[in-house]
Structure formats: structure tokens, C-alpha cells
Amino acid sequence: MKIDKRDWLFIGIVVGVLAIFIAISGKEKTAHVPNNAMHKVSYDAAFRNAPGPNASLYTRAFYKPDKKAAEVFCEPCHKEKGVPYPPNHPAKNRCMFCHKFSK
């Protein structure tokens, strides 16, 4: 089988697209909610209905933490403890829109 100019052009385009994807993908910039004693209540609320270790692989693979239940605790605790939000921080009631839980 002979590879002609069209085939090389196609291979070049595919390699170029892959190179662009690799170049623009970088370190994850999403801030994680610390997994410590202060944030335990948020983790408990988010993972209240988490499937157990004996659940099916499908159930465990597609489980999503209950972010809305965890967000309830963010703003009151941050106000009570005096932890300021950074400047230009978005709406305070949608914390899990930008932050995510550690595994």
C-alpha cells in the first residue's frame, strides 16, 4: 500500500490537532474544598448518599456528590469564622460551581 501526498496531509492535520490539544491542556486550576475537620460537614452532606464499596461499578462510576446540600454550609461558616472571599469572587451561593471535592 502506497502512502501518497493526501495521506501525508491527513496524517499531518491529525498530528497538528493532537499537538494543539496537548499544548492547551495543562494543570488543573479548579480549587478544591479542603478535606479537613472544618469542611467535614460539607463532605458529609455531599456524600451522604454515596454508593457503598459493594455497589455496582456503573453506580460508583457515575455517582455525583450532592453539591447543593454541601453549599448550604459555605457562606454561614465563612461569615462566622471571618474568612474573607477573594476579590471578584462570584455569587456566594454557588460555591460548588467552581470548587470541587477531593476524592
C-alpha atoms as a PDB file:
ATOM      1  CA  MET A   1       0.000   0.000   0.000  1.00  0.00           C
ATOM      2  CA  LYS A   2       1.433   3.302  -1.058  1.00  0.00           C
ATOM      3  CA  ILE A   3       1.034   6.457   1.024  1.00  0.00           C
ATOM      4  CA  ASP A   4       0.559   9.431  -1.262  1.00  0.00           C
ATOM      5  CA  LYS A   5       0.512  13.191  -0.604  1.00  0.00           C
ATOM      6  CA  ARG A   6      -3.161  13.274   0.507  1.00  0.00           C
ATOM      7  CA  ASP A   7      -2.488  10.639   3.143  1.00  0.00           C
ATOM      8  CA  TRP A   8       0.511  12.564   4.480  1.00  0.00           C
ATOM      9  CA  LEU A   9      -1.590  15.730   4.566  1.00  0.00           C
ATOM     10  CA  PHE A  10      -4.292  13.940   6.586  1.00  0.00           C
ATOM     11  CA  ILE A  11      -1.697  12.488   8.982  1.00  0.00           C
ATOM     12  CA  GLY A  12      -0.160  15.951   9.366  1.00  0.00           C
ATOM     13  CA  ILE A  13      -3.543  17.508  10.185  1.00  0.00           C
ATOM     14  CA  VAL A  14      -4.306  14.811  12.775  1.00  0.00           C
ATOM     15  CA  VAL A  15      -0.891  15.247  14.408  1.00  0.00           C
ATOM     16  CA  GLY A  16      -1.371  19.040  14.374  1.00  0.00           C
ATOM     17  CA  VAL A  17      -4.769  18.811  16.066  1.00  0.00           C
ATOM     18  CA  LEU A  18      -3.413  16.431  18.711  1.00  0.00           C
ATOM     19  CA  ALA A  19      -0.449  18.744  19.313  1.00  0.00           C
ATOM     20  CA  ILE A  20      -2.802  21.698  19.828  1.00  0.00           C
ATOM     21  CA  PHE A  21      -4.932  19.745  22.321  1.00  0.00           C
ATOM     22  CA  ILE A  22      -1.851  18.669  24.255  1.00  0.00           C
ATOM     23  CA  ALA A  23      -0.462  22.219  24.211  1.00  0.00           C
ATOM     24  CA  ILE A  24      -3.635  23.852  25.572  1.00  0.00           C
ATOM     25  CA  SER A  25      -4.290  21.227  28.216  1.00  0.00           C
ATOM     26  CA  GLY A  26      -2.391  21.985  31.344  1.00  0.00           C
ATOM     27  CA  LYS A  27      -2.512  21.870  35.068  1.00  0.00           C
ATOM     28  CA  GLU A  28      -5.981  21.828  36.574  1.00  0.00           C
ATOM     29  CA  LYS A  29      -6.828  25.232  38.045  1.00  0.00           C
ATOM     30  CA  THR A  30     -10.022  24.309  39.885  1.00  0.00           C
ATOM     31  CA  ALA A  31      -9.736  24.962  43.608  1.00  0.00           C
ATOM     32  CA  HIS A  32     -10.508  22.004  45.849  1.00  0.00           C
ATOM     33  CA  VAL A  33     -12.515  22.162  49.048  1.00  0.00           C
ATOM     34  CA  PRO A  34     -10.031  21.223  51.795  1.00  0.00           C
ATOM     35  CA  ASN A  35     -10.666  17.778  53.244  1.00  0.00           C
ATOM     36  CA  ASN A  36     -10.200  18.746  56.890  1.00  0.00           C
ATOM     37  CA  ALA A  37     -12.229  18.921  60.099  1.00  0.00           C
ATOM     38  CA  MET A  38     -13.668  22.374  59.311  1.00  0.00           C
ATOM     39  CA  HIS A  39     -15.094  21.217  55.977  1.00  0.00           C
ATOM     40  CA  LYS A  40     -16.209  17.779  57.197  1.00  0.00           C
ATOM     41  CA  VAL A  41     -19.834  18.892  57.409  1.00  0.00           C
ATOM     42  CA  SER A  42     -19.796  19.793  53.704  1.00  0.00           C
ATOM     43  CA  TYR A  43     -18.236  16.471  52.749  1.00  0.00           C
ATOM     44  CA  ASP A  44     -20.751  14.597  54.899  1.00  0.00           C
ATOM     45  CA  ALA A  45     -23.651  16.409  53.242  1.00  0.00           C
ATOM     46  CA  ALA A  46     -22.294  15.925  49.743  1.00  0.00           C
ATOM     47  CA  PHE A  47     -21.505  12.224  50.124  1.00  0.00           C
ATOM     48  CA  ARG A  48     -24.491  11.273  52.298  1.00  0.00           C
ATOM     49  CA  ASN A  49     -26.000   9.086  49.549  1.00  0.00           C
ATOM     50  CA  ALA A  50     -22.719   7.793  48.130  1.00  0.00           C
ATOM     51  CA  PRO A  51     -22.819   4.194  46.937  1.00  0.00           C
ATOM     52  CA  GLY A  52     -21.028   1.679  49.114  1.00  0.00           C
ATOM     53  CA  PRO A  53     -17.989  -0.351  48.092  1.00  0.00           C
ATOM     54  CA  ASN A  54     -20.194  -3.302  47.156  1.00  0.00           C
ATOM     55  CA  ALA A  55     -22.325  -1.233  44.728  1.00  0.00           C
ATOM     56  CA  SER A  56     -22.083  -1.934  41.036  1.00  0.00           C
ATOM     57  CA  LEU A  57     -19.246  -0.448  39.025  1.00  0.00           C
ATOM     58  CA  TYR A  58     -21.771   1.519  36.973  1.00  0.00           C
ATOM     59  CA  THR A  59     -23.307   3.087  40.090  1.00  0.00           C
ATOM     60  CA  ARG A  60     -19.931   4.025  41.555  1.00  0.00           C
ATOM     61  CA  ALA A  61     -18.579   5.373  38.248  1.00  0.00           C
ATOM     62  CA  PHE A  62     -21.469   7.745  37.633  1.00  0.00           C
ATOM     63  CA  TYR A  63     -22.107   8.915  41.204  1.00  0.00           C
ATOM     64  CA  LYS A  64     -22.058  12.689  41.651  1.00  0.00           C
ATOM     65  CA  PRO A  65     -21.814  14.313  45.095  1.00  0.00           C
ATOM     66  CA  ASP A  66     -24.828  16.368  46.199  1.00  0.00           C
ATOM     67  CA  LYS A  67     -23.277  19.799  45.739  1.00  0.00           C
ATOM     68  CA  LYS A  68     -26.416  21.779  46.587  1.00  0.00           C
ATOM     69  CA  ALA A  69     -26.619  20.128  50.008  1.00  0.00           C
ATOM     70  CA  ALA A  70     -22.982  20.998  50.704  1.00  0.00           C
ATOM     71  CA  GLU A  71     -23.267  24.626  49.533  1.00  0.00           C
ATOM     72  CA  VAL A  72     -25.714  25.395  52.323  1.00  0.00           C
ATOM     73  CA  PHE A  73     -22.865  25.342  54.852  1.00  0.00           C
ATOM     74  CA  CYS A  74     -20.350  27.523  52.981  1.00  0.00           C
ATOM     75  CA  GLU A  75     -21.496  31.119  53.385  1.00  0.00           C
ATOM     76  CA  PRO A  76     -22.702  30.996  57.031  1.00  0.00           C
ATOM     77  CA  CYS A  77     -19.480  29.361  58.188  1.00  0.00           C
ATOM     78  CA  HIS A  78     -17.263  31.715  56.196  1.00  0.00           C
ATOM     79  CA  LYS A  79     -19.097  34.698  57.722  1.00  0.00           C
ATOM     80  CA  GLU A  80     -18.974  33.258  61.253  1.00  0.00           C
ATOM     81  CA  LYS A  81     -15.254  32.441  61.109  1.00  0.00           C
ATOM     82  CA  GLY A  82     -14.402  35.715  59.349  1.00  0.00           C
ATOM     83  CA  VAL A  83     -12.788  34.011  56.369  1.00  0.00           C
ATOM     84  CA  PRO A  84     -12.958  36.574  53.567  1.00  0.00           C
ATOM     85  CA  TYR A  85     -13.757  35.712  49.990  1.00  0.00           C
ATOM     86  CA  PRO A  86     -11.138  36.826  47.471  1.00  0.00           C
ATOM     87  CA  PRO A  87     -11.841  39.972  45.425  1.00  0.00           C
ATOM     88  CA  ASN A  88     -14.044  39.406  42.346  1.00  0.00           C
ATOM     89  CA  HIS A  89     -15.397  36.201  43.887  1.00  0.00           C
ATOM     90  CA  PRO A  90     -18.660  35.154  42.170  1.00  0.00           C
ATOM     91  CA  ALA A  91     -22.032  34.703  43.872  1.00  0.00           C
ATOM     92  CA  LYS A  92     -21.649  33.169  47.302  1.00  0.00           C
ATOM     93  CA  ASN A  93     -24.451  30.616  46.971  1.00  0.00           C
ATOM     94  CA  ARG A  94     -22.836  28.675  44.098  1.00  0.00           C
ATOM     95  CA  CYS A  95     -19.558  27.546  45.664  1.00  0.00           C
ATOM     96  CA  MET A  96     -19.504  24.118  44.052  1.00  0.00           C
ATOM     97  CA  PHE A  97     -19.832  25.685  40.611  1.00  0.00           C
ATOM     98  CA  CYS A  98     -16.100  26.463  40.755  1.00  0.00           C
ATOM     99  CA  HIS A  99     -14.779  24.423  43.690  1.00  0.00           C
ATOM    100  CA  LYS A 100     -14.785  20.649  43.815  1.00  0.00           C
ATOM    101  CA  PHE A 101     -14.391  17.937  46.380  1.00  0.00           C
ATOM    102  CA  SER A 102     -11.241  15.872  46.742  1.00  0.00           C
ATOM    103  CA  LYS A 103     -11.668  12.169  46.261  1.00  0.00           C
END
